[in-house]
């Protein structure tokens, strides 16, 4: 039996696909279904618009994330500080 094609997407899934699209992880099919959903859902259109604006603002700010080694070192230092803190 063939696979049933799903063209109606609930809002929570649309928001998830919107997030995936922002990070270029959504498939072509997900993008198509998302755009169909956005035609009739005003709330998700607003979410998508806000998501796009946030992406542009972050990109323009040239924000750089910490590398994995630095994050791990910070985590170890935090864990050590927590262990050394006396509990009242």
PDB file of N, CA and C in Angstrom:
ATOM      1  N   UNK A   1       0.846  -1.177   0.000  1.00  0.00           N
ATOM      2  CA  UNK A   1       0.000   0.000   0.000  1.00  0.00           C
ATOM      3  C   UNK A   1       0.889   1.236   0.000  1.00  0.00           C
ATOM      4  N   UNK A   2       0.500   2.271  -0.721  1.00  0.00           N
ATOM      5  CA  UNK A   2       1.300   3.482  -0.850  1.00  0.00           C
ATOM      6  C   UNK A   2       1.267   4.362   0.383  1.00  0.00           C
ATOM      7  N   UNK A   3       2.179   5.268   0.402  1.00  0.00           N
ATOM      8  CA  UNK A   3       2.301   6.211   1.511  1.00  0.00           C
ATOM      9  C   UNK A   3       1.302   7.350   1.307  1.00  0.00           C
ATOM     10  N   UNK A   4       0.572   7.709   2.366  1.00  0.00           N
ATOM     11  CA  UNK A   4      -0.415   8.777   2.279  1.00  0.00           C
ATOM     12  C   UNK A   4       0.298  10.129   2.337  1.00  0.00           C
ATOM     13  N   UNK A   5      -0.020  10.999   1.404  1.00  0.00           N
ATOM     14  CA  UNK A   5       0.599  12.320   1.356  1.00  0.00           C
ATOM     15  C   UNK A   5      -0.129  13.243   2.318  1.00  0.00           C
ATOM     16  N   UNK A   6       0.643  13.850   3.216  1.00  0.00           N
ATOM     17  CA  UNK A   6       0.080  14.717   4.245  1.00  0.00           C
ATOM     18  C   UNK A   6       0.320  16.175   3.825  1.00  0.00           C
ATOM     19  N   UNK A   7      -0.761  16.917   3.601  1.00  0.00           N
ATOM     20  CA  UNK A   7      -0.593  18.312   3.197  1.00  0.00           C
ATOM     21  C   UNK A   7      -1.095  19.302   4.242  1.00  0.00           C
ATOM     22  N   UNK A   8      -1.741  18.798   5.284  1.00  0.00           N
ATOM     23  CA  UNK A   8      -2.188  19.681   6.358  1.00  0.00           C
ATOM     24  C   UNK A   8      -1.214  19.534   7.522  1.00  0.00           C
ATOM     25  N   UNK A   9      -0.737  20.659   8.005  1.00  0.00           N
ATOM     26  CA  UNK A   9       0.280  20.666   9.049  1.00  0.00           C
ATOM     27  C   UNK A   9      -0.273  21.411  10.262  1.00  0.00           C
ATOM     28  N   UNK A  10      -0.206  20.817  11.462  1.00  0.00           N
ATOM     29  CA  UNK A  10      -0.634  21.533  12.667  1.00  0.00           C
ATOM     30  C   UNK A  10       0.354  22.657  12.987  1.00  0.00           C
ATOM     31  N   UNK A  11      -0.098  23.637  13.745  1.00  0.00           N
ATOM     32  CA  UNK A  11       0.714  24.824  14.032  1.00  0.00           C
ATOM     33  C   UNK A  11       2.031  24.489  14.730  1.00  0.00           C
ATOM     34  N   UNK A  12       1.997  23.562  15.695  1.00  0.00           N
ATOM     35  CA  UNK A  12       3.249  23.247  16.398  1.00  0.00           C
ATOM     36  C   UNK A  12       4.285  22.660  15.442  1.00  0.00           C
ATOM     37  N   UNK A  13       3.843  21.849  14.497  1.00  0.00           N
ATOM     38  CA  UNK A  13       4.755  21.295  13.501  1.00  0.00           C
ATOM     39  C   UNK A  13       5.228  22.385  12.532  1.00  0.00           C
ATOM     40  N   UNK A  14       4.323  23.295  12.184  1.00  0.00           N
ATOM     41  CA  UNK A  14       4.694  24.408  11.298  1.00  0.00           C
ATOM     42  C   UNK A  14       5.777  25.263  11.947  1.00  0.00           C
ATOM     43  N   UNK A  15       5.642  25.517  13.239  1.00  0.00           N
ATOM     44  CA  UNK A  15       6.654  26.304  13.939  1.00  0.00           C
ATOM     45  C   UNK A  15       7.994  25.566  13.971  1.00  0.00           C
ATOM     46  N   UNK A  16       7.944  24.252  14.153  1.00  0.00           N
ATOM     47  CA  UNK A  16       9.170  23.456  14.151  1.00  0.00           C
ATOM     48  C   UNK A  16       9.853  23.513  12.783  1.00  0.00           C
ATOM     49  N   UNK A  17       9.081  23.381  11.729  1.00  0.00           N
ATOM     50  CA  UNK A  17       9.639  23.442  10.374  1.00  0.00           C
ATOM     51  C   UNK A  17      10.162  24.851  10.082  1.00  0.00           C
ATOM     52  N   UNK A  18       9.480  25.853  10.599  1.00  0.00           N
ATOM     53  CA  UNK A  18       9.951  27.227  10.453  1.00  0.00           C
ATOM     54  C   UNK A  18      11.333  27.374  11.084  1.00  0.00           C
ATOM     55  N   UNK A  19      11.514  26.811  12.264  1.00  0.00           N
ATOM     56  CA  UNK A  19      12.811  26.844  12.939  1.00  0.00           C
ATOM     57  C   UNK A  19      13.864  26.080  12.126  1.00  0.00           C
ATOM     58  N   UNK A  20      13.478  24.913  11.601  1.00  0.00           N
ATOM     59  CA  UNK A  20      14.408  24.136  10.790  1.00  0.00           C
ATOM     60  C   UNK A  20      14.813  24.906   9.533  1.00  0.00           C
ATOM     61  N   UNK A  21      13.860  25.611   8.947  1.00  0.00           N
ATOM     62  CA  UNK A  21      14.133  26.407   7.749  1.00  0.00           C
ATOM     63  C   UNK A  21      15.131  27.513   8.063  1.00  0.00           C
ATOM     64  N   UNK A  22      14.982  28.118   9.234  1.00  0.00           N
ATOM     65  CA  UNK A  22      15.878  29.189   9.665  1.00  0.00           C
ATOM     66  C   UNK A  22      17.329  28.705   9.680  1.00  0.00           C
ATOM     67  N   UNK A  23      17.550  27.448  10.073  1.00  0.00           N
ATOM     68  CA  UNK A  23      18.896  26.888  10.154  1.00  0.00           C
ATOM     69  C   UNK A  23      19.244  26.034   8.943  1.00  0.00           C
ATOM     70  N   UNK A  24      18.433  26.149   7.891  1.00  0.00           N
ATOM     71  CA  UNK A  24      18.650  25.442   6.625  1.00  0.00           C
ATOM     72  C   UNK A  24      18.674  23.923   6.791  1.00  0.00           C
ATOM     73  N   UNK A  25      17.781  23.403   7.636  1.00  0.00           N
ATOM     74  CA  UNK A  25      17.679  21.962   7.867  1.00  0.00           C
ATOM     75  C   UNK A  25      16.375  21.363   7.357  1.00  0.00           C
ATOM     76  N   UNK A  26      15.489  22.168   6.819  1.00  0.00           N
ATOM     77  CA  UNK A  26      14.191  21.668   6.353  1.00  0.00           C
ATOM     78  C   UNK A  26      14.307  21.122   4.933  1.00  0.00           C
ATOM     79  N   UNK A  27      13.538  20.075   4.680  1.00  0.00           N
ATOM     80  CA  UNK A  27      13.512  19.500   3.332  1.00  0.00           C
ATOM     81  C   UNK A  27      12.635  20.368   2.431  1.00  0.00           C
ATOM     82  N   UNK A  28      12.745  20.143   1.137  1.00  0.00           N
ATOM     83  CA  UNK A  28      11.924  20.881   0.178  1.00  0.00           C
ATOM     84  C   UNK A  28      10.437  20.635   0.458  1.00  0.00           C
ATOM     85  N   UNK A  29      10.084  19.367   0.725  1.00  0.00           N
ATOM     86  CA  UNK A  29       8.683  19.028   0.991  1.00  0.00           C
ATOM     87  C   UNK A  29       8.164  19.751   2.236  1.00  0.00           C
ATOM     88  N   UNK A  30       8.980  19.811   3.296  1.00  0.00           N
ATOM     89  CA  UNK A  30       8.583  20.521   4.517  1.00  0.00           C
ATOM     90  C   UNK A  30       8.348  21.998   4.230  1.00  0.00           C
ATOM     91  N   UNK A  31       9.204  22.588   3.410  1.00  0.00           N
ATOM     92  CA  UNK A  31       9.055  24.006   3.063  1.00  0.00           C
ATOM     93  C   UNK A  31       7.773  24.252   2.275  1.00  0.00           C
ATOM     94  N   UNK A  32       7.465  23.339   1.368  1.00  0.00           N
ATOM     95  CA  UNK A  32       6.232  23.474   0.567  1.00  0.00           C
ATOM     96  C   UNK A  32       5.008  23.407   1.474  1.00  0.00           C
ATOM     97  N   UNK A  33       4.954  22.401   2.351  1.00  0.00           N
ATOM     98  CA  UNK A  33       3.816  22.241   3.257  1.00  0.00           C
ATOM     99  C   UNK A  33       3.727  23.424   4.219  1.00  0.00           C
ATOM    100  N   UNK A  34       4.880  23.903   4.691  1.00  0.00           N
ATOM    101  CA  UNK A  34       4.895  25.073   5.569  1.00  0.00           C
ATOM    102  C   UNK A  34       4.293  26.279   4.856  1.00  0.00           C
ATOM    103  N   UNK A  35       4.692  26.507   3.614  1.00  0.00           N
ATOM    104  CA  UNK A  35       4.156  27.658   2.881  1.00  0.00           C
ATOM    105  C   UNK A  35       2.657  27.538   2.641  1.00  0.00           C
ATOM    106  N   UNK A  36       2.172  26.329   2.418  1.00  0.00           N
ATOM    107  CA  UNK A  36       0.722  26.132   2.303  1.00  0.00           C
ATOM    108  C   UNK A  36       0.037  26.472   3.626  1.00  0.00           C
ATOM    109  N   UNK A  37       0.639  26.054   4.727  1.00  0.00           N
ATOM    110  CA  UNK A  37       0.090  26.343   6.054  1.00  0.00           C
ATOM    111  C   UNK A  37       0.070  27.852   6.309  1.00  0.00           C
ATOM    112  N   UNK A  38       1.140  28.527   5.909  1.00  0.00           N
ATOM    113  CA  UNK A  38       1.235  29.965   6.158  1.00  0.00           C
ATOM    114  C   UNK A  38       0.196  30.767   5.381  1.00  0.00           C
ATOM    115  N   UNK A  39      -0.315  30.205   4.298  1.00  0.00           N
ATOM    116  CA  UNK A  39      -1.349  30.885   3.511  1.00  0.00           C
ATOM    117  C   UNK A  39      -2.607  31.104   4.357  1.00  0.00           C
ATOM    118  N   UNK A  40      -2.966  30.115   5.166  1.00  0.00           N
ATOM    119  CA  UNK A  40      -4.224  30.216   5.916  1.00  0.00           C
ATOM    120  C   UNK A  40      -4.052  30.468   7.417  1.00  0.00           C
ATOM    121  N   UNK A  41      -2.820  30.487   7.941  1.00  0.00           N
ATOM    122  CA  UNK A  41      -2.641  30.650   9.380  1.00  0.00           C
ATOM    123  C   UNK A  41      -1.903  31.956   9.697  1.00  0.00           C
ATOM    124  N   UNK A  42      -2.650  32.927  10.179  1.00  0.00           N
ATOM    125  CA  UNK A  42      -2.103  34.243  10.496  1.00  0.00           C
ATOM    126  C   UNK A  42      -1.089  34.183  11.645  1.00  0.00           C
ATOM    127  N   UNK A  43      -1.349  33.364  12.647  1.00  0.00           N
ATOM    128  CA  UNK A  43      -0.474  33.248  13.812  1.00  0.00           C
ATOM    129  C   UNK A  43       0.901  32.709  13.392  1.00  0.00           C
ATOM    130  N   UNK A  44       0.906  31.684  12.575  1.00  0.00           N
ATOM    131  CA  UNK A  44       2.173  31.107  12.130  1.00  0.00           C
ATOM    132  C   UNK A  44       2.908  32.036  11.160  1.00  0.00           C
ATOM    133  N   UNK A  45       2.172  32.807  10.375  1.00  0.00           N
ATOM    134  CA  UNK A  45       2.821  33.817   9.522  1.00  0.00           C
ATOM    135  C   UNK A  45       3.577  34.814  10.381  1.00  0.00           C
ATOM    136  N   UNK A  46       2.963  35.233  11.482  1.00  0.00           N
ATOM    137  CA  UNK A  46       3.596  36.173  12.418  1.00  0.00           C
ATOM    138  C   UNK A  46       4.837  35.527  13.038  1.00  0.00           C
ATOM    139  N   UNK A  47       4.731  34.273  13.454  1.00  0.00           N
ATOM    140  CA  UNK A  47       5.862  33.544  14.036  1.00  0.00           C
ATOM    141  C   UNK A  47       7.007  33.479  13.020  1.00  0.00           C
ATOM    142  N   UNK A  48       6.677  33.145  11.792  1.00  0.00           N
ATOM    143  CA  UNK A  48       7.673  33.025  10.737  1.00  0.00           C
ATOM    144  C   UNK A  48       8.349  34.372  10.462  1.00  0.00           C
ATOM    145  N   UNK A  49       7.555  35.420  10.438  1.00  0.00           N
ATOM    146  CA  UNK A  49       8.095  36.773  10.210  1.00  0.00           C
ATOM    147  C   UNK A  49       9.052  37.163  11.340  1.00  0.00           C
ATOM    148  N   UNK A  50       8.637  36.921  12.586  1.00  0.00           N
ATOM    149  CA  UNK A  50       9.483  37.239  13.739  1.00  0.00           C
ATOM    150  C   UNK A  50      10.774  36.419  13.713  1.00  0.00           C
ATOM    151  N   UNK A  51      10.661  35.160  13.329  1.00  0.00           N
ATOM    152  CA  UNK A  51      11.826  34.283  13.225  1.00  0.00           C
ATOM    153  C   UNK A  51      12.820  34.828  12.201  1.00  0.00           C
ATOM    154  N   UNK A  52      12.312  35.266  11.070  1.00  0.00           N
ATOM    155  CA  UNK A  52      13.169  35.825  10.017  1.00  0.00           C
ATOM    156  C   UNK A  52      13.852  37.098  10.485  1.00  0.00           C
ATOM    157  N   UNK A  53      13.098  37.948  11.168  1.00  0.00           N
ATOM    158  CA  UNK A  53      13.680  39.192  11.678  1.00  0.00           C
ATOM    159  C   UNK A  53      14.779  38.899  12.695  1.00  0.00           C
ATOM    160  N   UNK A  54      14.552  37.938  13.577  1.00  0.00           N
ATOM    161  CA  UNK A  54      15.544  37.567  14.579  1.00  0.00           C
ATOM    162  C   UNK A  54      16.824  37.061  13.907  1.00  0.00           C
ATOM    163  N   UNK A  55      16.676  36.228  12.888  1.00  0.00           N
ATOM    164  CA  UNK A  55      17.826  35.705  12.157  1.00  0.00           C
ATOM    165  C   UNK A  55      18.633  36.838  11.538  1.00  0.00           C
ATOM    166  N   UNK A  56      17.948  37.794  10.923  1.00  0.00           N
ATOM    167  CA  UNK A  56      18.638  38.931  10.301  1.00  0.00           C
ATOM    168  C   UNK A  56      19.368  39.774  11.338  1.00  0.00           C
ATOM    169  N   UNK A  57      18.741  40.016  12.467  1.00  0.00           N
ATOM    170  CA  UNK A  57      19.361  40.827  13.527  1.00  0.00           C
ATOM    171  C   UNK A  57      20.619  40.139  14.060  1.00  0.00           C
ATOM    172  N   UNK A  58      20.526  38.846  14.298  1.00  0.00           N
ATOM    173  CA  UNK A  58      21.681  38.103  14.808  1.00  0.00           C
ATOM    174  C   UNK A  58      22.797  38.086  13.772  1.00  0.00           C
ATOM    175  N   UNK A  59      22.448  37.907  12.507  1.00  0.00           N
ATOM    176  CA  UNK A  59      23.454  37.880  11.451  1.00  0.00           C
ATOM    177  C   UNK A  59      24.164  39.234  11.351  1.00  0.00           C
ATOM    178  N   UNK A  60      23.410  40.311  11.405  1.00  0.00           N
ATOM    179  CA  UNK A  60      23.992  41.660  11.315  1.00  0.00           C
ATOM    180  C   UNK A  60      24.864  41.981  12.521  1.00  0.00           C
ATOM    181  N   UNK A  61      24.581  41.388  13.662  1.00  0.00           N
ATOM    182  CA  UNK A  61      25.332  41.671  14.884  1.00  0.00           C
ATOM    183  C   UNK A  61      26.683  40.946  14.903  1.00  0.00           C
ATOM    184  N   UNK A  62      26.900  40.046  13.946  1.00  0.00           N
ATOM    185  CA  UNK A  62      28.149  39.285  13.862  1.00  0.00           C
ATOM    186  C   UNK A  62      28.473  38.585  15.182  1.00  0.00           C
ATOM    187  N   UNK A  63      27.463  37.940  15.737  1.00  0.00           N
ATOM    188  CA  UNK A  63      27.628  37.212  16.997  1.00  0.00           C
ATOM    189  C   UNK A  63      28.414  35.936  16.745  1.00  0.00           C
ATOM    190  N   UNK A  64      29.407  35.713  17.585  1.00  0.00           N
ATOM    191  CA  UNK A  64      30.213  34.506  17.473  1.00  0.00           C
ATOM    192  C   UNK A  64      29.961  33.626  18.698  1.00  0.00           C
ATOM    193  N   UNK A  65      29.790  32.354  18.462  1.00  0.00           N
ATOM    194  CA  UNK A  65      29.562  31.409  19.558  1.00  0.00           C
ATOM    195  C   UNK A  65      30.904  30.872  20.054  1.00  0.00           C
ATOM    196  N   UNK A  66      30.900  30.433  21.292  1.00  0.00           N
ATOM    197  CA  UNK A  66      32.095  29.814  21.860  1.00  0.00           C
ATOM    198  C   UNK A  66      32.335  28.463  21.199  1.00  0.00           C
ATOM    199  N   UNK A  67      33.594  28.094  21.061  1.00  0.00           N
ATOM    200  CA  UNK A  67      33.880  26.779  20.504  1.00  0.00           C
ATOM    201  C   UNK A  67      33.622  25.702  21.561  1.00  0.00           C
ATOM    202  N   UNK A  68      33.599  24.467  21.120  1.00  0.00           N
ATOM    203  CA  UNK A  68      33.234  23.346  21.990  1.00  0.00           C
ATOM    204  C   UNK A  68      34.190  23.202  23.175  1.00  0.00           C
ATOM    205  N   UNK A  69      35.486  23.384  22.929  1.00  0.00           N
ATOM    206  CA  UNK A  69      36.472  23.254  24.012  1.00  0.00           C
ATOM    207  C   UNK A  69      36.252  24.297  25.099  1.00  0.00           C
ATOM    208  N   UNK A  70      35.989  25.516  24.697  1.00  0.00           N
ATOM    209  CA  UNK A  70      35.770  26.603  25.660  1.00  0.00           C
ATOM    210  C   UNK A  70      34.513  26.331  26.498  1.00  0.00           C
ATOM    211  N   UNK A  71      33.451  25.859  25.832  1.00  0.00           N
ATOM    212  CA  UNK A  71      32.219  25.542  26.553  1.00  0.00           C
ATOM    213  C   UNK A  71      32.458  24.444  27.588  1.00  0.00           C
ATOM    214  N   UNK A  72      33.215  23.423  27.182  1.00  0.00           N
ATOM    215  CA  UNK A  72      33.491  22.310  28.087  1.00  0.00           C
ATOM    216  C   UNK A  72      34.310  22.779  29.288  1.00  0.00           C
ATOM    217  N   UNK A  73      35.297  23.642  29.057  1.00  0.00           N
ATOM    218  CA  UNK A  73      36.122  24.163  30.146  1.00  0.00           C
ATOM    219  C   UNK A  73      35.256  24.976  31.119  1.00  0.00           C
ATOM    220  N   UNK A  74      34.351  25.806  30.573  1.00  0.00           N
ATOM    221  CA  UNK A  74      33.456  26.599  31.424  1.00  0.00           C
ATOM    222  C   UNK A  74      32.562  25.687  32.256  1.00  0.00           C
ATOM    223  N   UNK A  75      32.075  24.614  31.647  1.00  0.00           N
ATOM    224  CA  UNK A  75      31.211  23.670  32.355  1.00  0.00           C
ATOM    225  C   UNK A  75      31.968  23.013  33.507  1.00  0.00           C
ATOM    226  N   UNK A  76      33.208  22.612  33.232  1.00  0.00           N
ATOM    227  CA  UNK A  76      34.015  21.981  34.280  1.00  0.00           C
ATOM    228  C   UNK A  76      34.274  22.951  35.431  1.00  0.00           C
ATOM    229  N   UNK A  77      34.578  24.200  35.109  1.00  0.00           N
ATOM    230  CA  UNK A  77      34.823  25.208  36.144  1.00  0.00           C
ATOM    231  C   UNK A  77      33.560  25.469  36.968  1.00  0.00           C
ATOM    232  N   UNK A  78      32.411  25.500  36.299  1.00  0.00           N
ATOM    233  CA  UNK A  78      31.138  25.701  36.995  1.00  0.00           C
ATOM    234  C   UNK A  78      30.842  24.522  37.923  1.00  0.00           C
ATOM    235  N   UNK A  79      31.025  23.301  37.399  1.00  0.00           N
ATOM    236  CA  UNK A  79      30.806  22.104  38.231  1.00  0.00           C
ATOM    237  C   UNK A  79      31.708  22.122  39.463  1.00  0.00           C
ATOM    238  N   UNK A  80      32.961  22.511  39.277  1.00  0.00           N
ATOM    239  CA  UNK A  80      33.915  22.578  40.383  1.00  0.00           C
ATOM    240  C   UNK A  80      33.464  23.612  41.416  1.00  0.00           C
ATOM    241  N   UNK A  81      33.030  24.794  40.940  1.00  0.00           N
ATOM    242  CA  UNK A  81      32.580  25.855  41.844  1.00  0.00           C
ATOM    243  C   UNK A  81      31.341  25.422  42.624  1.00  0.00           C
ATOM    244  N   UNK A  82      30.448  24.694  41.970  1.00  0.00           N
ATOM    245  CA  UNK A  82      29.225  24.218  42.637  1.00  0.00           C
ATOM    246  C   UNK A  82      29.588  23.231  43.746  1.00  0.00           C
ATOM    247  N   UNK A  83      30.527  22.338  43.465  1.00  0.00           N
ATOM    248  CA  UNK A  83      30.952  21.341  44.466  1.00  0.00           C
ATOM    249  C   UNK A  83      31.630  22.011  45.667  1.00  0.00           C
ATOM    250  N   UNK A  84      32.336  23.109  45.421  1.00  0.00           N
ATOM    251  CA  UNK A  84      33.061  23.801  46.484  1.00  0.00           C
ATOM    252  C   UNK A  84      32.179  24.727  47.320  1.00  0.00           C
ATOM    253  N   UNK A  85      31.002  25.048  46.815  1.00  0.00           N
ATOM    254  CA  UNK A  85      30.100  25.953  47.529  1.00  0.00           C
ATOM    255  C   UNK A  85      29.435  25.205  48.682  1.00  0.00           C
ATOM    256  N   UNK A  86      29.592  25.737  49.899  1.00  0.00           N
ATOM    257  CA  UNK A  86      28.962  25.078  51.054  1.00  0.00           C
ATOM    258  C   UNK A  86      27.436  25.239  51.017  1.00  0.00           C
ATOM    259  N   UNK A  87      26.760  24.187  51.451  1.00  0.00           N
ATOM    260  CA  UNK A  87      25.300  24.211  51.519  1.00  0.00           C
ATOM    261  C   UNK A  87      24.918  24.570  52.950  1.00  0.00           C
ATOM    262  N   UNK A  88      24.075  25.593  53.110  1.00  0.00           N
ATOM    263  CA  UNK A  88      23.658  26.037  54.440  1.00  0.00           C
ATOM    264  C   UNK A  88      22.607  25.154  55.034  1.00  0.00           C
TER     265      UNK A  88
END
